Amino acid sequence: MVHSSLPFEVLLYLNYNYFIVFIIAEVVLYLFKISHLPYSTDAILIDGLIFKFYCSIQLCRIHAGRKGNLTGRNTYIIVSLLLIIPSLIGILYITLIQLKVLRLEVILCCIEIVMEIAELIFVLFHLCANKRSKY
């Protein structure tokens, strides 16, 4: 019997759609910063690589979470849970450590952090419920 969590699935669905909008907004803001703000070549490369790393981690996390939730396999859900840590580090880099941070980026990143923390809470509830139902 497959035990899936509807709130966790809804959050993953919303986060996936928000993440697509987030990527588009960040790329537009990145191009704006490159063209209108003084930016060194090293900072451009570092910011671009970290954003690319963050995007790949986030997509893997969402995919693993959805696959684990729909199939009822806790290993995928645990992988998704573990990938929240580097995902949050990437978001914190974009928000706090990046050379030039715009106010719109801070707002977008705060929304993403809230969504990831909500997913973290619901995935922990889901894992506890699955563990309890097996015994």
Protein backbone atom coordinates (compact mmCIF):
# COMPACT_ATOMS: atom_id res chain seq x y z
CA MET A 1 0.00 0.00 0.00
CA VAL A 2 1.35 3.40 -1.02
CA HIS A 3 1.30 6.07 1.67
CA SER A 4 1.57 9.48 0.08
CA SER A 5 1.13 12.86 1.67
CA LEU A 6 -1.20 15.27 -0.10
CA PRO A 7 0.11 18.45 1.62
CA PHE A 8 3.69 17.47 0.79
CA GLU A 9 2.74 16.80 -2.84
CA VAL A 10 0.91 20.13 -3.10
CA LEU A 11 3.93 21.96 -1.69
CA LEU A 12 6.25 20.20 -4.15
CA TYR A 13 3.93 21.10 -7.03
CA LEU A 14 3.74 24.73 -5.94
CA ASN A 15 7.48 24.89 -5.35
CA TYR A 16 8.18 23.46 -8.81
CA ASN A 17 6.00 26.07 -10.49
CA TYR A 18 7.40 28.85 -8.32
CA PHE A 19 10.92 27.64 -9.03
CA ILE A 20 10.38 28.01 -12.80
CA VAL A 21 9.28 31.62 -12.23
CA PHE A 22 12.22 32.08 -9.84
CA ILE A 23 14.72 30.87 -12.46
CA ILE A 24 13.32 33.23 -15.09
CA ALA A 25 13.35 36.19 -12.69
CA GLU A 26 16.89 35.42 -11.50
CA VAL A 27 18.23 35.13 -15.06
CA VAL A 28 16.63 38.46 -15.98
CA LEU A 29 18.02 40.09 -12.83
CA TYR A 30 21.43 38.52 -13.47
CA LEU A 31 21.49 39.97 -16.99
CA PHE A 32 20.37 43.33 -15.60
CA LYS A 33 23.17 43.30 -13.01
CA ILE A 34 25.77 42.39 -15.62
CA SER A 35 24.68 45.12 -18.01
CA HIS A 36 23.96 47.99 -15.58
CA LEU A 37 26.13 47.42 -12.50
CA PRO A 38 29.91 47.27 -12.22
CA TYR A 39 30.67 43.56 -11.95
CA SER A 40 34.02 41.80 -12.17
CA THR A 41 34.44 38.76 -14.42
CA ASP A 42 35.27 36.53 -11.46
CA ALA A 43 32.11 37.54 -9.61
CA ILE A 44 30.01 36.92 -12.73
CA LEU A 45 31.44 33.42 -13.11
CA ILE A 46 31.12 32.53 -9.43
CA ASP A 47 27.54 33.79 -9.19
CA GLY A 48 26.59 31.99 -12.40
CA LEU A 49 28.14 28.69 -11.32
CA ILE A 50 26.59 28.77 -7.88
CA PHE A 51 23.18 29.60 -9.39
CA LYS A 52 23.56 26.70 -11.85
CA PHE A 53 24.54 24.38 -8.97
CA TYR A 54 21.56 25.59 -6.94
CA CYS A 55 19.15 25.02 -9.84
CA SER A 56 20.38 21.47 -10.41
CA ILE A 57 20.14 20.62 -6.69
CA GLN A 58 16.67 22.11 -6.43
CA LEU A 59 15.35 20.24 -9.48
CA CYS A 60 16.81 16.96 -8.19
CA ARG A 61 15.29 17.60 -4.77
CA ILE A 62 11.83 18.29 -6.14
CA HIS A 63 11.99 15.28 -8.47
CA ALA A 64 13.15 12.94 -5.71
CA GLY A 65 10.48 14.25 -3.34
CA ARG A 66 7.67 13.78 -5.86
CA LYS A 67 8.89 10.34 -6.89
CA GLY A 68 9.25 9.23 -3.29
CA ASN A 69 5.88 10.61 -2.31
CA LEU A 70 4.02 9.04 -5.22
CA THR A 71 5.71 5.64 -5.02
CA GLY A 72 5.80 5.44 -1.24
CA ARG A 73 9.56 4.86 -1.10
CA ASN A 74 11.19 6.53 1.85
CA THR A 75 14.66 6.46 0.26
CA TYR A 76 13.68 9.08 -2.32
CA ILE A 77 12.02 11.16 0.36
CA ILE A 78 15.15 10.99 2.51
CA VAL A 79 17.26 12.04 -0.50
CA SER A 80 14.90 14.98 -0.97
CA LEU A 81 15.21 15.77 2.73
CA LEU A 82 19.01 15.72 2.57
CA LEU A 83 19.06 17.91 -0.53
CA ILE A 84 17.21 20.66 1.34
CA ILE A 85 20.49 21.55 3.09
CA PRO A 86 22.53 22.45 -0.05
CA SER A 87 19.41 24.04 -1.52
CA LEU A 88 19.08 26.34 1.49
CA ILE A 89 22.79 27.13 1.30
CA GLY A 90 22.36 28.14 -2.35
CA ILE A 91 19.41 30.37 -1.50
CA LEU A 92 21.33 31.96 1.37
CA TYR A 93 24.24 32.64 -0.99
CA ILE A 94 21.93 34.35 -3.46
CA THR A 95 20.34 36.37 -0.65
CA LEU A 96 23.29 37.27 1.57
CA ILE A 97 26.70 36.59 0.09
CA GLN A 98 26.34 37.52 -3.57
CA LEU A 99 28.29 40.63 -4.58
CA LYS A 100 25.24 42.65 -5.72
CA VAL A 101 21.87 41.73 -4.24
CA LEU A 102 18.72 43.47 -5.41
CA ARG A 103 15.65 43.91 -3.23
CA LEU A 104 13.55 41.80 -5.62
CA GLU A 105 16.03 38.94 -5.20
CA VAL A 106 15.67 39.13 -1.44
CA ILE A 107 11.88 38.93 -1.71
CA LEU A 108 12.01 36.00 -4.16
CA CYS A 109 14.54 34.15 -2.01
CA CYS A 110 12.52 34.68 1.18
CA ILE A 111 9.48 33.13 -0.49
CA GLU A 112 11.63 30.18 -1.59
CA ILE A 113 13.03 29.75 1.93
CA VAL A 114 9.53 29.71 3.42
CA MET A 115 8.44 27.08 0.89
CA GLU A 116 11.46 24.90 1.59
CA ILE A 117 10.99 25.11 5.36
CA ALA A 118 7.31 24.19 4.95
CA GLU A 119 8.37 21.22 2.80
CA LEU A 120 10.89 20.23 5.45
CA ILE A 121 8.19 20.23 8.12
CA PHE A 122 5.75 18.25 5.98
CA VAL A 123 8.37 15.73 4.88
CA LEU A 124 9.26 15.08 8.52
CA PHE A 125 5.55 14.59 9.33
CA HIS A 126 5.28 12.26 6.34
CA LEU A 127 8.27 10.18 7.37
CA CYS A 128 6.98 9.90 10.95
CA ALA A 129 3.55 8.83 9.71
CA ASN A 130 5.06 6.23 7.37
CA LYS A 131 7.26 4.87 10.14
CA ARG A 132 4.32 4.60 12.52
CA SER A 133 2.11 2.85 9.93
CA LYS A 134 4.70 0.11 9.27
CA TYR A 135 4.60 -1.13 12.85
